[in-house]
Amino acid sequence: MIKILLLIVIGFVIWAIFRAYQRSLNTPSTPPHSQTVEDMVKCAHCGVNLPRSEAIYSGGVFYCTPEHKQLGNK
């Protein structure tokens, strides 16, 4: 009786390991670079839309270049 229970336990462990291995094969790998969504802002001078990280913020408005910042709002 002990041998049968031991075989059942061993079989269950092997089945669980095999199933976990199959799940790891089916999961998609993470892409090399994850895409992050960034807010777009409009230049106060020319109206061009650009990512917030590339914009120049001054006086409560955004500009696309230092020249447009010097020229100010249109």
PDB file of N, CA and C in Angstrom:
ATOM      1  N   MET A   1       0.829  -1.194   0.000  1.00  0.00           N
ATOM      2  CA  MET A   1       0.000   0.000   0.000  1.00  0.00           C
ATOM      3  C   MET A   1       0.871   1.256   0.000  1.00  0.00           C
ATOM      4  N   ILE A   2       1.949   1.270   0.771  1.00  0.00           N
ATOM      5  CA  ILE A   2       2.853   2.413   0.831  1.00  0.00           C
ATOM      6  C   ILE A   2       3.490   2.637  -0.535  1.00  0.00           C
ATOM      7  N   LYS A   3       3.840   1.548  -1.223  1.00  0.00           N
ATOM      8  CA  LYS A   3       4.468   1.673  -2.536  1.00  0.00           C
ATOM      9  C   LYS A   3       3.530   2.342  -3.533  1.00  0.00           C
ATOM     10  N   ILE A   4       2.265   2.015  -3.488  1.00  0.00           N
ATOM     11  CA  ILE A   4       1.284   2.609  -4.404  1.00  0.00           C
ATOM     12  C   ILE A   4       1.141   4.098  -4.124  1.00  0.00           C
ATOM     13  N   LEU A   5       1.047   4.468  -2.837  1.00  0.00           N
ATOM     14  CA  LEU A   5       0.944   5.886  -2.478  1.00  0.00           C
ATOM     15  C   LEU A   5       2.200   6.645  -2.887  1.00  0.00           C
ATOM     16  N   LEU A   6       3.356   6.034  -2.709  1.00  0.00           N
ATOM     17  CA  LEU A   6       4.609   6.661  -3.097  1.00  0.00           C
ATOM     18  C   LEU A   6       4.668   6.871  -4.610  1.00  0.00           C
ATOM     19  N   LEU A   7       4.219   5.893  -5.381  1.00  0.00           N
ATOM     20  CA  LEU A   7       4.177   6.031  -6.836  1.00  0.00           C
ATOM     21  C   LEU A   7       3.203   7.140  -7.272  1.00  0.00           C
ATOM     22  N   ILE A   8       2.097   7.236  -6.598  1.00  0.00           N
ATOM     23  CA  ILE A   8       1.127   8.298  -6.912  1.00  0.00           C
ATOM     24  C   ILE A   8       1.728   9.668  -6.620  1.00  0.00           C
ATOM     25  N   VAL A   9       2.395   9.814  -5.491  1.00  0.00           N
ATOM     26  CA  VAL A   9       3.023  11.087  -5.130  1.00  0.00           C
ATOM     27  C   VAL A   9       4.117  11.443  -6.129  1.00  0.00           C
ATOM     28  N   ILE A  10       4.951  10.485  -6.487  1.00  0.00           N
ATOM     29  CA  ILE A  10       6.021  10.734  -7.459  1.00  0.00           C
ATOM     30  C   ILE A  10       5.424  11.120  -8.813  1.00  0.00           C
ATOM     31  N   GLY A  11       4.379  10.415  -9.213  1.00  0.00           N
ATOM     32  CA  GLY A  11       3.695  10.734 -10.473  1.00  0.00           C
ATOM     33  C   GLY A  11       3.125  12.140 -10.462  1.00  0.00           C
ATOM     34  N   PHE A  12       2.524  12.539  -9.347  1.00  0.00           N
ATOM     35  CA  PHE A  12       1.966  13.881  -9.230  1.00  0.00           C
ATOM     36  C   PHE A  12       3.059  14.940  -9.317  1.00  0.00           C
ATOM     37  N   VAL A  13       4.194  14.716  -8.659  1.00  0.00           N
ATOM     38  CA  VAL A  13       5.302  15.674  -8.693  1.00  0.00           C
ATOM     39  C   VAL A  13       5.840  15.810 -10.112  1.00  0.00           C
ATOM     40  N   ILE A  14       6.012  14.694 -10.806  1.00  0.00           N
ATOM     41  CA  ILE A  14       6.493  14.737 -12.192  1.00  0.00           C
ATOM     42  C   ILE A  14       5.492  15.467 -13.076  1.00  0.00           C
ATOM     43  N   TRP A  15       4.214  15.203 -12.896  1.00  0.00           N
ATOM     44  CA  TRP A  15       3.176  15.877 -13.672  1.00  0.00           C
ATOM     45  C   TRP A  15       3.182  17.383 -13.407  1.00  0.00           C
ATOM     46  N   ALA A  16       3.340  17.799 -12.151  1.00  0.00           N
ATOM     47  CA  ALA A  16       3.356  19.221 -11.805  1.00  0.00           C
ATOM     48  C   ALA A  16       4.573  19.918 -12.409  1.00  0.00           C
ATOM     49  N   ILE A  17       5.721  19.272 -12.370  1.00  0.00           N
ATOM     50  CA  ILE A  17       6.933  19.864 -12.964  1.00  0.00           C
ATOM     51  C   ILE A  17       6.761  19.984 -14.478  1.00  0.00           C
ATOM     52  N   PHE A  18       6.239  18.958 -15.117  1.00  0.00           N
ATOM     53  CA  PHE A  18       6.028  18.985 -16.567  1.00  0.00           C
ATOM     54  C   PHE A  18       5.047  20.096 -16.948  1.00  0.00           C
ATOM     55  N   ARG A  19       3.989  20.240 -16.198  1.00  0.00           N
ATOM     56  CA  ARG A  19       2.984  21.278 -16.481  1.00  0.00           C
ATOM     57  C   ARG A  19       3.575  22.679 -16.297  1.00  0.00           C
ATOM     58  N   ALA A  20       4.369  22.876 -15.264  1.00  0.00           N
ATOM     59  CA  ALA A  20       5.009  24.182 -15.039  1.00  0.00           C
ATOM     60  C   ALA A  20       5.978  24.505 -16.173  1.00  0.00           C
ATOM     61  N   TYR A  21       6.683  23.497 -16.659  1.00  0.00           N
ATOM     62  CA  TYR A  21       7.604  23.699 -17.782  1.00  0.00           C
ATOM     63  C   TYR A  21       6.833  24.088 -19.042  1.00  0.00           C
ATOM     64  N   GLN A  22       5.717  23.449 -19.311  1.00  0.00           N
ATOM     65  CA  GLN A  22       4.910  23.792 -20.480  1.00  0.00           C
ATOM     66  C   GLN A  22       4.378  25.217 -20.374  1.00  0.00           C
ATOM     67  N   ARG A  23       3.957  25.632 -19.202  1.00  0.00           N
ATOM     68  CA  ARG A  23       3.468  27.006 -19.018  1.00  0.00           C
ATOM     69  C   ARG A  23       4.567  28.021 -19.267  1.00  0.00           C
ATOM     70  N   SER A  24       5.783  27.706 -18.848  1.00  0.00           N
ATOM     71  CA  SER A  24       6.882  28.642 -19.060  1.00  0.00           C
ATOM     72  C   SER A  24       7.215  28.774 -20.539  1.00  0.00           C
ATOM     73  N   LEU A  25       6.974  27.744 -21.330  1.00  0.00           N
ATOM     74  CA  LEU A  25       7.208  27.826 -22.769  1.00  0.00           C
ATOM     75  C   LEU A  25       6.140  28.660 -23.468  1.00  0.00           C
ATOM     76  N   ASN A  26       4.927  28.668 -22.942  1.00  0.00           N
ATOM     77  CA  ASN A  26       3.816  29.372 -23.575  1.00  0.00           C
ATOM     78  C   ASN A  26       3.765  30.858 -23.238  1.00  0.00           C
ATOM     79  N   THR A  27       4.445  31.278 -22.198  1.00  0.00           N
ATOM     80  CA  THR A  27       4.388  32.696 -21.831  1.00  0.00           C
ATOM     81  C   THR A  27       5.242  33.502 -22.798  1.00  0.00           C
ATOM     82  N   PRO A  28       4.697  34.609 -23.317  1.00  0.00           N
ATOM     83  CA  PRO A  28       5.478  35.425 -24.248  1.00  0.00           C
ATOM     84  C   PRO A  28       6.604  36.133 -23.517  1.00  0.00           C
ATOM     85  N   SER A  29       7.728  36.204 -24.178  1.00  0.00           N
ATOM     86  CA  SER A  29       8.854  36.907 -23.564  1.00  0.00           C
ATOM     87  C   SER A  29       8.598  38.409 -23.639  1.00  0.00           C
ATOM     88  N   THR A  30       9.169  39.148 -22.718  1.00  0.00           N
ATOM     89  CA  THR A  30       8.981  40.591 -22.712  1.00  0.00           C
ATOM     90  C   THR A  30       9.740  41.203 -23.876  1.00  0.00           C
ATOM     91  N   PRO A  31       9.171  42.212 -24.511  1.00  0.00           N
ATOM     92  CA  PRO A  31       9.874  42.841 -25.630  1.00  0.00           C
ATOM     93  C   PRO A  31      11.144  43.519 -25.146  1.00  0.00           C
ATOM     94  N   PRO A  32      12.136  43.693 -26.038  1.00  0.00           N
ATOM     95  CA  PRO A  32      13.395  44.298 -25.617  1.00  0.00           C
ATOM     96  C   PRO A  32      13.220  45.705 -25.067  1.00  0.00           C
ATOM     97  N   HIS A  33      12.266  46.433 -25.577  1.00  0.00           N
ATOM     98  CA  HIS A  33      11.991  47.767 -25.045  1.00  0.00           C
ATOM     99  C   HIS A  33      10.486  47.895 -24.868  1.00  0.00           C
ATOM    100  N   SER A  34      10.093  48.320 -23.713  1.00  0.00           N
ATOM    101  CA  SER A  34       8.673  48.482 -23.483  1.00  0.00           C
ATOM    102  C   SER A  34       8.251  49.874 -23.921  1.00  0.00           C
ATOM    103  N   GLN A  35       7.119  49.925 -24.567  1.00  0.00           N
ATOM    104  CA  GLN A  35       6.633  51.202 -25.055  1.00  0.00           C
ATOM    105  C   GLN A  35       5.888  51.907 -23.939  1.00  0.00           C
ATOM    106  N   THR A  36       6.265  53.136 -23.693  1.00  0.00           N
ATOM    107  CA  THR A  36       5.581  53.924 -22.695  1.00  0.00           C
ATOM    108  C   THR A  36       4.842  55.051 -23.399  1.00  0.00           C
ATOM    109  N   VAL A  37       3.672  55.351 -22.933  1.00  0.00           N
ATOM    110  CA  VAL A  37       2.870  56.409 -23.518  1.00  0.00           C
ATOM    111  C   VAL A  37       3.289  57.719 -22.866  1.00  0.00           C
ATOM    112  N   GLU A  38       3.513  58.712 -23.688  1.00  0.00           N
ATOM    113  CA  GLU A  38       3.951  60.003 -23.178  1.00  0.00           C
ATOM    114  C   GLU A  38       2.968  61.079 -23.640  1.00  0.00           C
ATOM    115  N   ASP A  39       2.713  62.044 -22.792  1.00  0.00           N
ATOM    116  CA  ASP A  39       1.817  63.137 -23.131  1.00  0.00           C
ATOM    117  C   ASP A  39       2.412  63.981 -24.241  1.00  0.00           C
ATOM    118  N   MET A  40       1.544  64.432 -25.142  1.00  0.00           N
ATOM    119  CA  MET A  40       1.953  65.326 -26.210  1.00  0.00           C
ATOM    120  C   MET A  40       1.502  66.735 -25.839  1.00  0.00           C
ATOM    121  N   VAL A  41       2.344  67.718 -26.148  1.00  0.00           N
ATOM    122  CA  VAL A  41       2.015  69.119 -25.879  1.00  0.00           C
ATOM    123  C   VAL A  41       2.174  69.911 -27.165  1.00  0.00           C
ATOM    124  N   LYS A  42       1.557  71.089 -27.206  1.00  0.00           N
ATOM    125  CA  LYS A  42       1.584  71.917 -28.397  1.00  0.00           C
ATOM    126  C   LYS A  42       2.467  73.134 -28.152  1.00  0.00           C
ATOM    127  N   CYS A  43       3.311  73.446 -29.126  1.00  0.00           N
ATOM    128  CA  CYS A  43       4.158  74.629 -29.050  1.00  0.00           C
ATOM    129  C   CYS A  43       3.258  75.868 -29.079  1.00  0.00           C
ATOM    130  N   ALA A  44       3.477  76.785 -28.164  1.00  0.00           N
ATOM    131  CA  ALA A  44       2.659  77.989 -28.085  1.00  0.00           C
ATOM    132  C   ALA A  44       2.917  78.936 -29.255  1.00  0.00           C
ATOM    133  N   HIS A  45       4.039  78.785 -29.940  1.00  0.00           N
ATOM    134  CA  HIS A  45       4.361  79.686 -31.051  1.00  0.00           C
ATOM    135  C   HIS A  45       3.888  79.139 -32.396  1.00  0.00           C
ATOM    136  N   CYS A  46       4.275  77.907 -32.730  1.00  0.00           N
ATOM    137  CA  CYS A  46       3.964  77.384 -34.060  1.00  0.00           C
ATOM    138  C   CYS A  46       2.858  76.333 -34.066  1.00  0.00           C
ATOM    139  N   GLY A  47       2.494  75.790 -32.916  1.00  0.00           N
ATOM    140  CA  GLY A  47       1.416  74.812 -32.846  1.00  0.00           C
ATOM    141  C   GLY A  47       1.834  73.378 -33.108  1.00  0.00           C
ATOM    142  N   VAL A  48       3.123  73.118 -33.234  1.00  0.00           N
ATOM    143  CA  VAL A  48       3.606  71.751 -33.471  1.00  0.00           C
ATOM    144  C   VAL A  48       3.423  70.928 -32.203  1.00  0.00           C
ATOM    145  N   ASN A  49       2.928  69.689 -32.369  1.00  0.00           N
ATOM    146  CA  ASN A  49       2.796  68.770 -31.241  1.00  0.00           C
ATOM    147  C   ASN A  49       4.093  68.002 -31.076  1.00  0.00           C
ATOM    148  N   LEU A  50       4.540  67.878 -29.833  1.00  0.00           N
ATOM    149  CA  LEU A  50       5.765  67.146 -29.538  1.00  0.00           C
ATOM    150  C   LEU A  50       5.651  66.511 -28.158  1.00  0.00           C
ATOM    151  N   PRO A  51       6.458  65.471 -27.885  1.00  0.00           N
ATOM    152  CA  PRO A  51       6.413  64.833 -26.568  1.00  0.00           C
ATOM    153  C   PRO A  51       6.811  65.814 -25.457  1.00  0.00           C
ATOM    154  N   ARG A  52       6.178  65.672 -24.331  1.00  0.00           N
ATOM    155  CA  ARG A  52       6.437  66.572 -23.203  1.00  0.00           C
ATOM    156  C   ARG A  52       7.912  66.564 -22.797  1.00  0.00           C
ATOM    157  N   SER A  53       8.572  65.410 -22.909  1.00  0.00           N
ATOM    158  CA  SER A  53       9.974  65.324 -22.494  1.00  0.00           C
ATOM    159  C   SER A  53      10.899  66.118 -23.412  1.00  0.00           C
ATOM    160  N   GLU A  54      10.483  66.390 -24.652  1.00  0.00           N
ATOM    161  CA  GLU A  54      11.309  67.138 -25.588  1.00  0.00           C
ATOM    162  C   GLU A  54      10.945  68.618 -25.625  1.00  0.00           C
ATOM    163  N   ALA A  55       9.856  68.998 -24.977  1.00  0.00           N
ATOM    164  CA  ALA A  55       9.384  70.380 -25.015  1.00  0.00           C
ATOM    165  C   ALA A  55      10.118  71.242 -23.994  1.00  0.00           C
ATOM    166  N   ILE A  56      10.115  72.529 -24.255  1.00  0.00           N
ATOM    167  CA  ILE A  56      10.700  73.517 -23.339  1.00  0.00           C
ATOM    168  C   ILE A  56       9.539  74.215 -22.644  1.00  0.00           C
ATOM    169  N   TYR A  57       9.510  74.149 -21.322  1.00  0.00           N
ATOM    170  CA  TYR A  57       8.421  74.720 -20.536  1.00  0.00           C
ATOM    171  C   TYR A  57       8.853  76.062 -19.975  1.00  0.00           C
ATOM    172  N   SER A  58       8.077  77.093 -20.265  1.00  0.00           N
ATOM    173  CA  SER A  58       8.415  78.425 -19.764  1.00  0.00           C
ATOM    174  C   SER A  58       7.144  79.259 -19.660  1.00  0.00           C
ATOM    175  N   GLY A  59       6.957  79.879 -18.539  1.00  0.00           N
ATOM    176  CA  GLY A  59       5.819  80.780 -18.351  1.00  0.00           C
ATOM    177  C   GLY A  59       4.468  80.109 -18.474  1.00  0.00           C
ATOM    178  N   GLY A  60       4.386  78.844 -18.141  1.00  0.00           N
ATOM    179  CA  GLY A  60       3.113  78.134 -18.169  1.00  0.00           C
ATOM    180  C   GLY A  60       2.756  77.564 -19.524  1.00  0.00           C
ATOM    181  N   VAL A  61       3.603  77.721 -20.535  1.00  0.00           N
ATOM    182  CA  VAL A  61       3.338  77.166 -21.867  1.00  0.00           C
ATOM    183  C   VAL A  61       4.556  76.383 -22.351  1.00  0.00           C
ATOM    184  N   PHE A  62       4.365  75.607 -23.397  1.00  0.00           N
ATOM    185  CA  PHE A  62       5.421  74.778 -23.952  1.00  0.00           C
ATOM    186  C   PHE A  62       5.875  75.336 -25.290  1.00  0.00           C
ATOM    187  N   TYR A  63       7.165  75.159 -25.568  1.00  0.00           N
ATOM    188  CA  TYR A  63       7.750  75.558 -26.845  1.00  0.00           C
ATOM    189  C   TYR A  63       8.545  74.388 -27.403  1.00  0.00           C
ATOM    190  N   CYS A  64       8.697  74.382 -28.747  1.00  0.00           N
ATOM    191  CA  CYS A  64       9.422  73.284 -29.374  1.00  0.00           C
ATOM    192  C   CYS A  64      10.916  73.577 -29.497  1.00  0.00           C
ATOM    193  N   THR A  65      11.305  74.840 -29.569  1.00  0.00           N
ATOM    194  CA  THR A  65      12.718  75.203 -29.701  1.00  0.00           C
ATOM    195  C   THR A  65      13.014  76.434 -28.853  1.00  0.00           C
ATOM    196  N   PRO A  66      14.290  76.658 -28.530  1.00  0.00           N
ATOM    197  CA  PRO A  66      14.645  77.868 -27.789  1.00  0.00           C
ATOM    198  C   PRO A  66      14.320  79.150 -28.578  1.00  0.00           C
ATOM    199  N   GLU A  67      14.378  79.085 -29.911  1.00  0.00           N
ATOM    200  CA  GLU A  67      14.026  80.265 -30.718  1.00  0.00           C
ATOM    201  C   GLU A  67      12.560  80.631 -30.566  1.00  0.00           C
ATOM    202  N   HIS A  68      11.698  79.642 -30.543  1.00  0.00           N
ATOM    203  CA  HIS A  68      10.281  79.903 -30.364  1.00  0.00           C
ATOM    204  C   HIS A  68      10.000  80.403 -28.947  1.00  0.00           C
ATOM    205  N   LYS A  69      10.782  79.954 -27.992  1.00  0.00           N
ATOM    206  CA  LYS A  69      10.632  80.456 -26.618  1.00  0.00           C
ATOM    207  C   LYS A  69      10.962  81.947 -26.579  1.00  0.00           C
ATOM    208  N   GLN A  70      12.007  82.359 -27.291  1.00  0.00           N
ATOM    209  CA  GLN A  70      12.386  83.771 -27.321  1.00  0.00           C
ATOM    210  C   GLN A  70      11.339  84.606 -28.054  1.00  0.00           C
ATOM    211  N   LEU A  71      10.732  84.043 -29.111  1.00  0.00           N
ATOM    212  CA  LEU A  71       9.722  84.787 -29.879  1.00  0.00           C
ATOM    213  C   LEU A  71       8.418  84.912 -29.106  1.00  0.00           C
ATOM    214  N   GLY A  72       8.141  83.971 -28.221  1.00  0.00           N
ATOM    215  CA  GLY A  72       6.933  84.024 -27.394  1.00  0.00           C
ATOM    216  C   GLY A  72       5.711  83.504 -28.122  1.00  0.00           C
ATOM    217  N   ASN A  73       4.547  83.773 -27.522  1.00  0.00           N
ATOM    218  CA  ASN A  73       3.276  83.308 -28.096  1.00  0.00           C
ATOM    219  C   ASN A  73       2.975  84.038 -29.374  1.00  0.00           C
ATOM    220  N   LYS A  74       2.277  83.361 -30.245  1.00  0.00           N
ATOM    221  CA  LYS A  74       1.858  83.961 -31.512  1.00  0.00           C
ATOM    222  C   LYS A  74       0.508  84.598 -31.387  1.00  0.00           C
TER     223      LYS A  74
END
